[in-house]
N, C-alpha and C. Protein backbone atom coordinates (compact mmCIF):
# COMPACT_ATOMS: atom_id res chain seq x y z
N MET A 1 -57.46 54.02 9.88
CA MET A 1 -56.71 52.77 9.68
C MET A 1 -56.65 52.44 8.19
N ARG A 2 -55.53 51.89 7.76
CA ARG A 2 -55.44 51.48 6.35
C ARG A 2 -55.73 50.01 6.18
N TYR A 3 -55.91 49.26 7.28
CA TYR A 3 -56.21 47.84 7.21
C TYR A 3 -57.60 47.57 7.76
N ASN A 4 -58.26 46.58 7.18
CA ASN A 4 -59.52 46.08 7.73
C ASN A 4 -59.19 44.82 8.53
N ILE A 5 -59.19 44.94 9.86
CA ILE A 5 -58.78 43.84 10.73
C ILE A 5 -60.00 43.27 11.44
N VAL A 6 -60.21 41.97 11.28
CA VAL A 6 -61.34 41.30 11.91
C VAL A 6 -60.82 40.21 12.83
N PHE A 7 -61.26 40.25 14.09
CA PHE A 7 -60.84 39.26 15.08
C PHE A 7 -62.01 38.32 15.37
N ASN A 8 -61.75 37.01 15.29
CA ASN A 8 -62.74 35.99 15.64
C ASN A 8 -62.41 35.46 17.03
N GLU A 9 -63.24 35.82 18.00
CA GLU A 9 -62.96 35.47 19.40
C GLU A 9 -63.04 33.97 19.64
N GLU A 10 -63.87 33.27 18.86
CA GLU A 10 -64.06 31.83 19.09
C GLU A 10 -62.77 31.04 18.93
N ASP A 11 -62.05 31.29 17.85
CA ASP A 11 -60.81 30.53 17.62
C ASP A 11 -59.56 31.42 17.68
N HIS A 12 -59.75 32.66 18.15
CA HIS A 12 -58.65 33.61 18.31
C HIS A 12 -57.87 33.77 17.00
N SER A 13 -58.63 33.93 15.90
CA SER A 13 -58.00 34.09 14.59
C SER A 13 -58.24 35.50 14.06
N TYR A 14 -57.40 35.89 13.10
CA TYR A 14 -57.48 37.24 12.53
C TYR A 14 -57.57 37.18 11.02
N LEU A 15 -58.36 38.09 10.48
CA LEU A 15 -58.38 38.35 9.04
C LEU A 15 -57.93 39.79 8.83
N VAL A 16 -57.00 40.00 7.93
CA VAL A 16 -56.57 41.34 7.55
C VAL A 16 -56.87 41.53 6.08
N ASP A 17 -57.76 42.47 5.79
CA ASP A 17 -58.22 42.71 4.42
C ASP A 17 -58.73 41.40 3.79
N GLY A 18 -59.44 40.60 4.62
CA GLY A 18 -60.05 39.37 4.15
C GLY A 18 -59.13 38.17 4.09
N ARG A 19 -57.86 38.36 4.47
CA ARG A 19 -56.88 37.27 4.40
C ARG A 19 -56.47 36.83 5.80
N PRO A 20 -56.48 35.50 6.07
CA PRO A 20 -56.07 35.05 7.41
C PRO A 20 -54.58 35.28 7.66
N VAL A 21 -54.26 35.76 8.85
CA VAL A 21 -52.87 35.98 9.25
C VAL A 21 -52.68 35.44 10.66
N PRO A 22 -51.46 35.09 11.04
CA PRO A 22 -51.22 34.61 12.41
C PRO A 22 -51.31 35.76 13.41
N SER A 23 -51.55 35.39 14.65
CA SER A 23 -51.54 36.38 15.73
C SER A 23 -50.13 36.51 16.29
N VAL A 24 -49.88 37.59 17.00
CA VAL A 24 -48.60 37.80 17.67
C VAL A 24 -48.29 36.64 18.60
N THR A 25 -49.28 36.25 19.42
CA THR A 25 -49.04 35.16 20.38
C THR A 25 -48.83 33.83 19.66
N GLN A 26 -49.50 33.64 18.53
CA GLN A 26 -49.31 32.41 17.76
C GLN A 26 -47.88 32.30 17.25
N VAL A 27 -47.35 33.40 16.75
CA VAL A 27 -45.97 33.40 16.25
C VAL A 27 -45.00 33.07 17.38
N LEU A 28 -45.15 33.74 18.52
CA LEU A 28 -44.24 33.51 19.64
C LEU A 28 -44.36 32.09 20.19
N ARG A 29 -45.61 31.59 20.23
CA ARG A 29 -45.82 30.23 20.75
C ARG A 29 -45.22 29.19 19.82
N GLU A 30 -45.51 29.31 18.52
CA GLU A 30 -45.01 28.33 17.55
C GLU A 30 -43.50 28.32 17.46
N MET A 31 -42.86 29.45 17.73
CA MET A 31 -41.41 29.51 17.70
C MET A 31 -40.79 29.11 19.04
N GLY A 32 -41.62 28.68 19.98
CA GLY A 32 -41.13 28.16 21.26
C GLY A 32 -40.67 29.21 22.24
N LEU A 33 -41.03 30.47 22.01
CA LEU A 33 -40.51 31.54 22.85
C LEU A 33 -41.25 31.68 24.18
N TYR A 34 -42.42 31.05 24.29
CA TYR A 34 -43.09 30.98 25.58
C TYR A 34 -42.67 29.75 26.39
N GLY A 35 -41.87 28.88 25.80
CA GLY A 35 -41.55 27.62 26.47
C GLY A 35 -42.81 26.77 26.56
N ASP A 36 -43.01 26.16 27.72
CA ASP A 36 -44.21 25.33 27.90
C ASP A 36 -45.29 26.08 28.67
N ARG A 37 -45.21 27.41 28.67
CA ARG A 37 -46.11 28.24 29.46
C ARG A 37 -47.57 27.94 29.17
N PHE A 38 -47.93 27.69 27.91
CA PHE A 38 -49.33 27.51 27.54
C PHE A 38 -49.75 26.04 27.55
N ASP A 39 -48.80 25.15 27.74
CA ASP A 39 -49.13 23.73 27.65
C ASP A 39 -49.98 23.24 28.82
N TYR A 40 -49.81 23.86 30.00
CA TYR A 40 -50.50 23.35 31.18
C TYR A 40 -51.71 24.20 31.58
N LEU A 41 -52.05 25.22 30.79
CA LEU A 41 -53.18 26.07 31.12
C LEU A 41 -54.47 25.41 30.66
N ASP A 42 -55.40 25.17 31.62
CA ASP A 42 -56.67 24.57 31.23
C ASP A 42 -57.65 25.64 30.77
N GLU A 43 -58.82 25.18 30.29
CA GLU A 43 -59.78 26.10 29.71
C GLU A 43 -60.32 27.09 30.74
N SER A 44 -60.46 26.65 31.99
CA SER A 44 -60.98 27.54 33.02
C SER A 44 -60.05 28.73 33.25
N TYR A 45 -58.75 28.49 33.17
CA TYR A 45 -57.78 29.57 33.33
C TYR A 45 -57.92 30.57 32.19
N ARG A 46 -58.06 30.06 30.97
CA ARG A 46 -58.19 30.94 29.80
C ARG A 46 -59.47 31.77 29.90
N LEU A 47 -60.56 31.13 30.32
CA LEU A 47 -61.83 31.84 30.43
C LEU A 47 -61.77 32.92 31.50
N PHE A 48 -61.09 32.62 32.61
CA PHE A 48 -60.96 33.61 33.66
C PHE A 48 -60.13 34.80 33.18
N GLY A 49 -59.05 34.52 32.48
CA GLY A 49 -58.22 35.60 31.94
C GLY A 49 -58.99 36.48 30.98
N THR A 50 -59.83 35.86 30.15
CA THR A 50 -60.66 36.62 29.22
C THR A 50 -61.64 37.51 29.97
N ALA A 51 -62.24 36.96 31.05
CA ALA A 51 -63.19 37.73 31.86
C ALA A 51 -62.52 38.94 32.50
N VAL A 52 -61.30 38.75 32.99
CA VAL A 52 -60.55 39.85 33.61
C VAL A 52 -60.26 40.93 32.57
N HIS A 53 -59.82 40.53 31.38
CA HIS A 53 -59.52 41.50 30.32
C HIS A 53 -60.76 42.31 29.94
N LYS A 54 -61.90 41.63 29.79
CA LYS A 54 -63.13 42.33 29.40
C LYS A 54 -63.58 43.30 30.50
N ALA A 55 -63.43 42.87 31.76
CA ALA A 55 -63.83 43.74 32.87
C ALA A 55 -62.92 44.96 32.96
N CYS A 56 -61.62 44.75 32.77
CA CYS A 56 -60.69 45.88 32.78
C CYS A 56 -60.99 46.84 31.63
N ALA A 57 -61.38 46.30 30.48
CA ALA A 57 -61.71 47.14 29.33
C ALA A 57 -62.94 48.00 29.62
N LEU A 58 -63.93 47.45 30.31
CA LEU A 58 -65.12 48.23 30.66
C LEU A 58 -64.78 49.35 31.64
N TYR A 59 -63.87 49.04 32.56
CA TYR A 59 -63.42 50.09 33.48
C TYR A 59 -62.70 51.19 32.71
N LEU A 60 -61.79 50.81 31.81
CA LEU A 60 -61.04 51.80 31.03
C LEU A 60 -61.94 52.61 30.12
N ASP A 61 -62.95 51.97 29.55
CA ASP A 61 -63.85 52.70 28.66
C ASP A 61 -64.62 53.77 29.44
N GLY A 62 -65.01 53.44 30.66
CA GLY A 62 -65.66 54.45 31.50
C GLY A 62 -64.72 55.60 31.81
N LEU A 63 -63.44 55.27 32.06
CA LEU A 63 -62.44 56.29 32.33
C LEU A 63 -62.26 57.20 31.13
N ARG A 64 -62.22 56.60 29.95
CA ARG A 64 -62.03 57.38 28.72
C ARG A 64 -63.22 58.28 28.44
N ARG A 65 -64.43 57.80 28.73
CA ARG A 65 -65.65 58.55 28.43
C ARG A 65 -66.08 59.47 29.57
N GLY A 66 -65.39 59.40 30.70
CA GLY A 66 -65.79 60.20 31.84
C GLY A 66 -66.99 59.62 32.57
N ILE A 67 -67.23 58.30 32.39
CA ILE A 67 -68.31 57.60 33.10
C ILE A 67 -67.69 56.91 34.31
N ASP A 68 -68.15 57.25 35.50
CA ASP A 68 -67.47 56.74 36.69
C ASP A 68 -68.44 56.36 37.81
N PRO A 69 -69.37 55.43 37.55
CA PRO A 69 -70.26 55.00 38.63
C PRO A 69 -69.47 54.35 39.75
N ASP A 70 -69.30 55.14 40.81
CA ASP A 70 -68.57 54.67 42.00
C ASP A 70 -67.16 54.20 41.69
N GLY A 71 -66.55 54.74 40.65
CA GLY A 71 -65.15 54.44 40.37
C GLY A 71 -64.89 53.19 39.56
N TRP A 72 -65.95 52.57 39.01
CA TRP A 72 -65.77 51.33 38.24
C TRP A 72 -66.05 51.51 36.76
N GLY A 73 -66.20 52.75 36.32
CA GLY A 73 -66.43 52.99 34.90
C GLY A 73 -67.73 52.36 34.43
N ARG A 74 -67.67 51.63 33.32
CA ARG A 74 -68.85 50.97 32.76
C ARG A 74 -69.03 49.55 33.26
N LEU A 75 -68.20 49.13 34.20
CA LEU A 75 -68.28 47.78 34.73
C LEU A 75 -69.42 47.67 35.74
N ASP A 76 -70.30 46.69 35.54
CA ASP A 76 -71.42 46.43 36.44
C ASP A 76 -70.93 45.54 37.58
N GLN A 77 -70.75 46.11 38.77
CA GLN A 77 -70.21 45.35 39.89
C GLN A 77 -71.10 44.17 40.27
N GLU A 78 -72.39 44.39 40.29
CA GLU A 78 -73.31 43.35 40.73
C GLU A 78 -73.34 42.16 39.78
N ALA A 79 -73.08 42.40 38.51
CA ALA A 79 -73.13 41.33 37.52
C ALA A 79 -71.77 40.68 37.28
N THR A 80 -70.75 41.13 38.02
CA THR A 80 -69.38 40.64 37.81
C THR A 80 -68.96 39.72 38.94
N ASP A 81 -68.31 38.64 38.59
CA ASP A 81 -67.80 37.69 39.58
C ASP A 81 -66.91 38.42 40.59
N PRO A 82 -67.10 38.18 41.89
CA PRO A 82 -66.30 38.87 42.92
C PRO A 82 -64.79 38.68 42.73
N ARG A 83 -64.38 37.51 42.27
CA ARG A 83 -62.95 37.29 42.07
C ARG A 83 -62.42 38.16 40.94
N VAL A 84 -63.21 38.31 39.88
CA VAL A 84 -62.81 39.19 38.78
C VAL A 84 -62.72 40.63 39.27
N LEU A 85 -63.67 41.03 40.13
CA LEU A 85 -63.64 42.38 40.69
C LEU A 85 -62.36 42.65 41.46
N GLU A 86 -61.85 41.64 42.16
CA GLU A 86 -60.60 41.80 42.91
C GLU A 86 -59.45 42.14 41.96
N TYR A 87 -59.42 41.46 40.82
CA TYR A 87 -58.37 41.72 39.83
C TYR A 87 -58.52 43.12 39.23
N VAL A 88 -59.75 43.50 38.94
CA VAL A 88 -59.99 44.83 38.37
C VAL A 88 -59.62 45.91 39.38
N ASP A 89 -59.87 45.65 40.66
CA ASP A 89 -59.51 46.62 41.68
C ASP A 89 -58.00 46.85 41.71
N GLN A 90 -57.23 45.77 41.56
CA GLN A 90 -55.77 45.91 41.49
C GLN A 90 -55.37 46.67 40.23
N PHE A 91 -56.09 46.40 39.14
CA PHE A 91 -55.80 47.12 37.89
C PHE A 91 -56.09 48.61 38.04
N ARG A 92 -57.17 48.94 38.72
CA ARG A 92 -57.50 50.36 38.96
C ARG A 92 -56.36 51.05 39.71
N GLN A 93 -55.78 50.35 40.69
CA GLN A 93 -54.67 50.94 41.45
C GLN A 93 -53.46 51.16 40.56
N ALA A 94 -53.19 50.21 39.66
CA ALA A 94 -52.07 50.36 38.72
C ALA A 94 -52.29 51.54 37.79
N VAL A 95 -53.52 51.67 37.27
CA VAL A 95 -53.87 52.78 36.39
C VAL A 95 -53.69 54.11 37.11
N HIS A 96 -54.11 54.16 38.36
CA HIS A 96 -53.95 55.38 39.15
C HIS A 96 -52.47 55.71 39.35
N ALA A 97 -51.66 54.67 39.63
CA ALA A 97 -50.23 54.89 39.85
C ALA A 97 -49.56 55.44 38.59
N LEU A 98 -50.04 55.03 37.43
CA LEU A 98 -49.47 55.49 36.16
C LEU A 98 -50.11 56.79 35.67
N ASN A 99 -51.18 57.22 36.35
CA ASN A 99 -51.98 58.36 35.88
C ASN A 99 -52.36 58.15 34.41
N PHE A 100 -52.84 56.94 34.12
CA PHE A 100 -53.10 56.52 32.74
C PHE A 100 -54.44 57.03 32.25
N GLN A 101 -54.42 57.62 31.06
CA GLN A 101 -55.63 58.09 30.39
C GLN A 101 -55.74 57.36 29.05
N PRO A 102 -56.62 56.36 28.97
CA PRO A 102 -56.67 55.53 27.76
C PRO A 102 -57.21 56.25 26.55
N GLN A 103 -56.64 55.92 25.39
CA GLN A 103 -57.15 56.41 24.11
C GLN A 103 -57.61 55.25 23.23
N LEU A 104 -56.87 54.15 23.27
CA LEU A 104 -57.25 52.93 22.55
C LEU A 104 -57.44 51.81 23.57
N ILE A 105 -58.52 51.04 23.42
CA ILE A 105 -58.81 49.93 24.34
C ILE A 105 -59.25 48.72 23.52
N GLU A 106 -58.64 47.57 23.79
CA GLU A 106 -59.00 46.33 23.09
C GLU A 106 -59.12 46.58 21.58
N THR A 107 -58.03 47.06 21.01
CA THR A 107 -58.03 47.47 19.61
C THR A 107 -57.22 46.51 18.75
N PRO A 108 -57.84 45.88 17.73
CA PRO A 108 -57.08 45.03 16.81
C PRO A 108 -56.10 45.86 15.99
N VAL A 109 -54.87 45.39 15.90
CA VAL A 109 -53.83 46.07 15.13
C VAL A 109 -53.03 45.02 14.37
N CYS A 110 -52.31 45.46 13.34
CA CYS A 110 -51.50 44.51 12.58
C CYS A 110 -50.22 45.17 12.08
N TYR A 111 -49.25 44.33 11.76
CA TYR A 111 -47.99 44.82 11.22
C TYR A 111 -47.89 44.42 9.75
N ALA A 112 -47.82 45.41 8.88
CA ALA A 112 -47.60 45.20 7.44
C ALA A 112 -48.60 44.23 6.82
N GLY A 113 -49.74 44.03 7.47
CA GLY A 113 -50.77 43.15 6.93
C GLY A 113 -50.44 41.68 7.02
N VAL A 114 -49.39 41.30 7.82
CA VAL A 114 -48.97 39.89 7.85
C VAL A 114 -49.08 39.24 9.23
N VAL A 115 -49.27 40.03 10.27
CA VAL A 115 -49.44 39.48 11.62
C VAL A 115 -50.31 40.47 12.39
N ALA A 116 -51.16 39.95 13.28
CA ALA A 116 -52.10 40.83 13.98
C ALA A 116 -52.17 40.48 15.45
N GLY A 117 -52.77 41.37 16.20
CA GLY A 117 -52.97 41.16 17.63
C GLY A 117 -53.96 42.17 18.15
N THR A 118 -54.35 42.02 19.40
CA THR A 118 -55.28 42.96 20.01
C THR A 118 -54.56 43.72 21.12
N LEU A 119 -54.48 45.01 20.97
CA LEU A 119 -53.82 45.89 21.93
C LEU A 119 -54.75 46.08 23.13
N ASP A 120 -54.27 45.76 24.33
CA ASP A 120 -55.11 45.92 25.52
C ASP A 120 -55.42 47.39 25.76
N ALA A 121 -54.39 48.23 25.75
CA ALA A 121 -54.62 49.66 26.00
C ALA A 121 -53.42 50.48 25.56
N TRP A 122 -53.71 51.68 25.10
CA TRP A 122 -52.68 52.66 24.73
C TRP A 122 -53.22 54.04 25.07
N GLY A 123 -52.34 54.90 25.61
CA GLY A 123 -52.77 56.24 25.96
C GLY A 123 -51.69 57.02 26.68
N ASP A 124 -52.09 58.10 27.34
CA ASP A 124 -51.16 59.00 28.02
C ASP A 124 -50.96 58.57 29.48
N SER A 125 -49.78 58.90 30.01
CA SER A 125 -49.44 58.54 31.39
C SER A 125 -48.36 59.47 31.91
N ILE A 126 -47.87 59.16 33.09
CA ILE A 126 -46.77 59.94 33.65
C ILE A 126 -45.49 59.78 32.84
N TYR A 127 -45.44 58.74 32.00
CA TYR A 127 -44.27 58.49 31.14
C TYR A 127 -44.48 59.02 29.73
N GLY A 128 -45.63 59.62 29.47
CA GLY A 128 -45.99 59.99 28.11
C GLY A 128 -46.89 58.92 27.53
N GLU A 129 -46.83 58.71 26.23
CA GLU A 129 -47.69 57.72 25.58
C GLU A 129 -47.16 56.31 25.83
N ILE A 130 -48.01 55.46 26.39
CA ILE A 130 -47.57 54.11 26.75
C ILE A 130 -48.52 53.06 26.19
N LEU A 131 -47.97 51.87 26.05
CA LEU A 131 -48.72 50.69 25.63
C LEU A 131 -48.78 49.74 26.82
N ILE A 132 -49.98 49.25 27.13
CA ILE A 132 -50.17 48.38 28.29
C ILE A 132 -50.70 47.02 27.85
N ASP A 133 -50.10 45.96 28.38
CA ASP A 133 -50.61 44.61 28.18
C ASP A 133 -50.98 44.05 29.57
N ILE A 134 -52.20 43.56 29.70
CA ILE A 134 -52.72 43.08 30.99
C ILE A 134 -52.49 41.58 31.12
N LYS A 135 -51.96 41.16 32.26
CA LYS A 135 -51.73 39.75 32.54
C LYS A 135 -52.50 39.37 33.81
N ALA A 136 -53.40 38.39 33.70
CA ALA A 136 -54.20 37.96 34.85
C ALA A 136 -53.43 36.89 35.63
N SER A 137 -52.18 37.19 35.91
CA SER A 137 -51.29 36.27 36.61
C SER A 137 -50.04 37.04 37.01
N MET A 138 -49.33 36.55 38.02
CA MET A 138 -48.07 37.17 38.41
C MET A 138 -46.87 36.48 37.77
N ALA A 139 -47.14 35.48 36.92
CA ALA A 139 -46.06 34.74 36.26
C ALA A 139 -45.46 35.59 35.14
N LYS A 140 -44.21 35.95 35.28
CA LYS A 140 -43.54 36.81 34.30
C LYS A 140 -42.67 35.97 33.37
N MET A 141 -42.67 36.36 32.10
CA MET A 141 -41.91 35.62 31.10
C MET A 141 -41.09 36.56 30.23
N PRO A 142 -39.87 36.17 29.86
CA PRO A 142 -39.05 37.01 28.98
C PRO A 142 -39.74 37.35 27.67
N ALA A 143 -40.54 36.41 27.14
CA ALA A 143 -41.19 36.62 25.85
C ALA A 143 -42.21 37.75 25.88
N TYR A 144 -42.67 38.15 27.06
CA TYR A 144 -43.63 39.25 27.12
C TYR A 144 -43.02 40.56 26.62
N SER A 145 -41.72 40.68 26.75
CA SER A 145 -41.05 41.87 26.22
C SER A 145 -41.13 41.90 24.70
N LEU A 146 -40.99 40.73 24.07
CA LEU A 146 -41.13 40.63 22.62
C LEU A 146 -42.58 40.85 22.21
N GLN A 147 -43.51 40.37 23.03
CA GLN A 147 -44.93 40.53 22.73
C GLN A 147 -45.32 42.01 22.70
N THR A 148 -44.88 42.77 23.71
CA THR A 148 -45.22 44.20 23.71
C THR A 148 -44.52 44.94 22.58
N ALA A 149 -43.31 44.50 22.22
CA ALA A 149 -42.62 45.12 21.08
C ALA A 149 -43.39 44.85 19.79
N ALA A 150 -43.96 43.64 19.67
CA ALA A 150 -44.76 43.31 18.50
C ALA A 150 -46.00 44.18 18.42
N TYR A 151 -46.65 44.40 19.56
CA TYR A 151 -47.83 45.27 19.57
C TYR A 151 -47.45 46.71 19.20
N GLU A 152 -46.28 47.12 19.62
CA GLU A 152 -45.80 48.46 19.26
C GLU A 152 -45.63 48.57 17.75
N LEU A 153 -45.02 47.56 17.14
CA LEU A 153 -44.86 47.54 15.68
C LEU A 153 -46.22 47.57 14.98
N CYS A 154 -47.15 46.78 15.51
CA CYS A 154 -48.49 46.72 14.92
C CYS A 154 -49.21 48.06 15.04
N LEU A 155 -49.07 48.70 16.19
CA LEU A 155 -49.71 50.00 16.41
C LEU A 155 -49.21 51.02 15.40
N GLU A 156 -47.90 51.10 15.25
CA GLU A 156 -47.31 52.06 14.32
C GLU A 156 -47.72 51.77 12.89
N SER A 157 -47.74 50.50 12.50
CA SER A 157 -48.08 50.12 11.14
C SER A 157 -49.55 50.38 10.83
N THR A 158 -50.43 50.07 11.77
CA THR A 158 -51.86 50.22 11.56
C THR A 158 -52.26 51.67 11.33
N TYR A 159 -51.63 52.58 12.08
CA TYR A 159 -52.01 53.98 12.01
C TYR A 159 -51.03 54.83 11.18
N ALA A 160 -50.14 54.19 10.45
CA ALA A 160 -49.09 54.92 9.73
C ALA A 160 -49.64 55.93 8.73
N ASP A 161 -50.75 55.61 8.08
CA ASP A 161 -51.28 56.48 7.02
C ASP A 161 -52.31 57.51 7.52
N THR A 162 -52.65 57.42 8.80
CA THR A 162 -53.69 58.33 9.31
C THR A 162 -53.17 59.29 10.36
N GLU A 163 -52.52 58.77 11.37
CA GLU A 163 -51.96 59.62 12.42
C GLU A 163 -50.86 58.86 13.15
N GLU A 164 -49.87 59.57 13.60
CA GLU A 164 -48.76 58.93 14.29
C GLU A 164 -49.17 58.49 15.68
N LYS A 165 -48.89 57.25 15.99
CA LYS A 165 -49.10 56.76 17.35
C LYS A 165 -47.79 56.12 17.80
N ARG A 166 -47.18 56.71 18.80
CA ARG A 166 -45.89 56.24 19.28
C ARG A 166 -46.00 55.73 20.70
N CYS A 167 -44.95 55.06 21.14
CA CYS A 167 -44.89 54.56 22.51
C CYS A 167 -43.59 55.04 23.15
N LEU A 168 -43.73 55.81 24.20
CA LEU A 168 -42.54 56.21 24.96
C LEU A 168 -42.20 55.14 26.00
N ALA A 169 -43.15 54.26 26.25
CA ALA A 169 -42.91 53.14 27.16
C ALA A 169 -43.91 52.04 26.84
N ARG A 170 -43.51 50.80 27.05
CA ARG A 170 -44.41 49.67 26.92
C ARG A 170 -44.25 48.80 28.16
N MET A 171 -45.34 48.26 28.62
CA MET A 171 -45.29 47.57 29.90
C MET A 171 -46.38 46.52 30.04
N CYS A 172 -46.13 45.58 30.94
CA CYS A 172 -47.13 44.60 31.35
C CYS A 172 -47.58 44.95 32.76
N ILE A 173 -48.89 44.85 33.00
CA ILE A 173 -49.43 44.97 34.34
C ILE A 173 -49.88 43.58 34.77
N TYR A 174 -49.24 43.04 35.80
CA TYR A 174 -49.57 41.71 36.32
C TYR A 174 -50.53 41.85 37.49
N LEU A 175 -51.58 41.02 37.49
CA LEU A 175 -52.60 41.09 38.51
C LEU A 175 -52.75 39.74 39.21
N SER A 176 -53.00 39.78 40.51
CA SER A 176 -53.22 38.54 41.25
C SER A 176 -54.51 38.55 42.06
N GLY A 177 -55.14 39.69 42.19
CA GLY A 177 -56.30 39.81 43.05
C GLY A 177 -55.94 40.41 44.39
N GLN A 178 -54.69 40.19 44.83
CA GLN A 178 -54.21 40.77 46.09
C GLN A 178 -53.24 41.92 45.84
N LYS A 179 -52.56 41.89 44.70
CA LYS A 179 -51.57 42.93 44.41
C LYS A 179 -51.38 43.04 42.91
N PHE A 180 -50.67 44.09 42.51
CA PHE A 180 -50.31 44.25 41.11
C PHE A 180 -48.82 44.51 41.01
N SER A 181 -48.30 44.28 39.82
CA SER A 181 -46.89 44.54 39.54
C SER A 181 -46.79 45.08 38.12
N ILE A 182 -45.89 46.04 37.92
CA ILE A 182 -45.72 46.63 36.60
C ILE A 182 -44.29 46.38 36.11
N ASP A 183 -44.17 45.78 34.94
CA ASP A 183 -42.87 45.57 34.31
C ASP A 183 -42.72 46.50 33.12
N HIS A 184 -41.63 47.26 33.09
CA HIS A 184 -41.32 48.11 31.94
C HIS A 184 -40.41 47.33 30.99
N HIS A 185 -40.78 47.28 29.73
CA HIS A 185 -39.98 46.57 28.73
C HIS A 185 -39.21 47.58 27.89
N GLN A 186 -37.90 47.50 27.96
CA GLN A 186 -37.06 48.51 27.31
C GLN A 186 -35.98 47.92 26.43
N GLY A 187 -36.05 46.61 26.18
CA GLY A 187 -35.03 45.98 25.36
C GLY A 187 -34.95 46.57 23.97
N ARG A 188 -33.79 47.09 23.60
CA ARG A 188 -33.64 47.74 22.29
C ARG A 188 -33.76 46.76 21.14
N GLY A 189 -33.43 45.50 21.41
CA GLY A 189 -33.49 44.50 20.34
C GLY A 189 -34.79 43.74 20.27
N ASP A 190 -35.78 44.09 21.09
CA ASP A 190 -37.02 43.32 21.15
C ASP A 190 -37.77 43.32 19.82
N ARG A 191 -37.82 44.47 19.18
CA ARG A 191 -38.53 44.55 17.89
C ARG A 191 -37.83 43.68 16.84
N ILE A 192 -36.51 43.75 16.80
CA ILE A 192 -35.75 42.96 15.84
C ILE A 192 -35.95 41.47 16.09
N LEU A 193 -35.92 41.06 17.36
CA LEU A 193 -36.09 39.66 17.70
C LEU A 193 -37.47 39.16 17.28
N PHE A 194 -38.51 39.99 17.50
CA PHE A 194 -39.84 39.54 17.08
C PHE A 194 -39.91 39.41 15.56
N LEU A 195 -39.35 40.36 14.83
CA LEU A 195 -39.39 40.29 13.37
C LEU A 195 -38.63 39.07 12.85
N GLU A 196 -37.55 38.70 13.55
CA GLU A 196 -36.82 37.48 13.17
C GLU A 196 -37.68 36.25 13.42
N ALA A 197 -38.39 36.24 14.56
CA ALA A 197 -39.29 35.13 14.87
C ALA A 197 -40.41 35.05 13.83
N LEU A 198 -40.93 36.20 13.41
CA LEU A 198 -41.98 36.24 12.40
C LEU A 198 -41.47 35.69 11.06
N SER A 199 -40.25 36.06 10.69
CA SER A 199 -39.67 35.57 9.43
C SER A 199 -39.52 34.06 9.47
N LEU A 200 -39.06 33.53 10.60
CA LEU A 200 -38.90 32.08 10.73
C LEU A 200 -40.25 31.38 10.70
N TYR A 201 -41.24 31.99 11.37
CA TYR A 201 -42.60 31.44 11.34
C TYR A 201 -43.11 31.36 9.90
N GLN A 202 -42.92 32.44 9.14
CA GLN A 202 -43.40 32.47 7.76
C GLN A 202 -42.69 31.42 6.91
N TRP A 203 -41.39 31.23 7.14
CA TRP A 203 -40.64 30.22 6.39
C TRP A 203 -41.16 28.82 6.71
N LYS A 204 -41.39 28.54 8.00
CA LYS A 204 -41.89 27.22 8.40
C LYS A 204 -43.30 26.99 7.88
N ALA A 205 -44.12 28.05 7.89
CA ALA A 205 -45.48 27.92 7.37
C ALA A 205 -45.46 27.66 5.87
N GLU A 206 -44.57 28.35 5.16
CA GLU A 206 -44.47 28.17 3.71
C GLU A 206 -44.10 26.74 3.35
N HIS A 207 -43.23 26.14 4.17
CA HIS A 207 -42.78 24.77 3.91
C HIS A 207 -43.60 23.73 4.68
N ARG A 208 -44.73 24.17 5.23
CA ARG A 208 -45.68 23.30 5.92
C ARG A 208 -45.03 22.51 7.06
N LEU A 209 -44.16 23.18 7.78
CA LEU A 209 -43.51 22.57 8.93
C LEU A 209 -44.26 22.84 10.22
N ILE A 210 -45.26 23.70 10.15
CA ILE A 210 -46.13 23.98 11.30
C ILE A 210 -47.56 24.08 10.80
N GLN A 211 -48.52 23.86 11.70
CA GLN A 211 -49.91 24.02 11.37
C GLN A 211 -50.30 25.48 11.60
N THR A 212 -51.00 26.06 10.65
CA THR A 212 -51.41 27.46 10.77
C THR A 212 -52.89 27.56 10.47
N ASN A 213 -53.46 28.74 10.81
CA ASN A 213 -54.84 29.01 10.45
C ASN A 213 -54.92 29.85 9.18
N THR A 214 -53.78 29.92 8.47
CA THR A 214 -53.73 30.70 7.23
C THR A 214 -53.75 29.79 6.03
N LYS A 215 -54.10 30.35 4.90
CA LYS A 215 -54.14 29.57 3.65
C LYS A 215 -53.32 30.26 2.57
């Protein structure tokens, strides 16, 4: 990597080479591209989503390392909330359907040192190299296509000087505990739209029209 990216889980903030930068979700949210999606989510929902992401990451890490205690990878079933296990079980089925072999898991990435995010997973599949974003909900939003495009830009930028990392497909895996759904994002203009949103965010931040965690 050519960037030193530090993620602070407490306030969901990023430092790139010691300088604070906005997150991908912060840019999309501040530009109104999620609508009111985040306005009604309480803290318990956010905490549950975080727990699901961490549990899925432990499962994927076991898959990557060839650790498979009863098919759950590094995830400790007994120490995990049963409801979270239901979501991870649906995720396991989605991974199997994609024949996904993870290479990067919960990896901080950034684009041009000015915006950052955490990539849920990237690796090989039946479609070739794919980027996966995990959603602990069945609620689908148009902005998720821009979000995955932003992660794709960040992935390419972060590894540009070391090794090529490409995406032949990018997708969201939606989980409910009872079922899963996979959305493929293929919009050709998604990357351009995100970069336009980022430019507008930077302009508004420069003129102090929005509150940011950057200085």
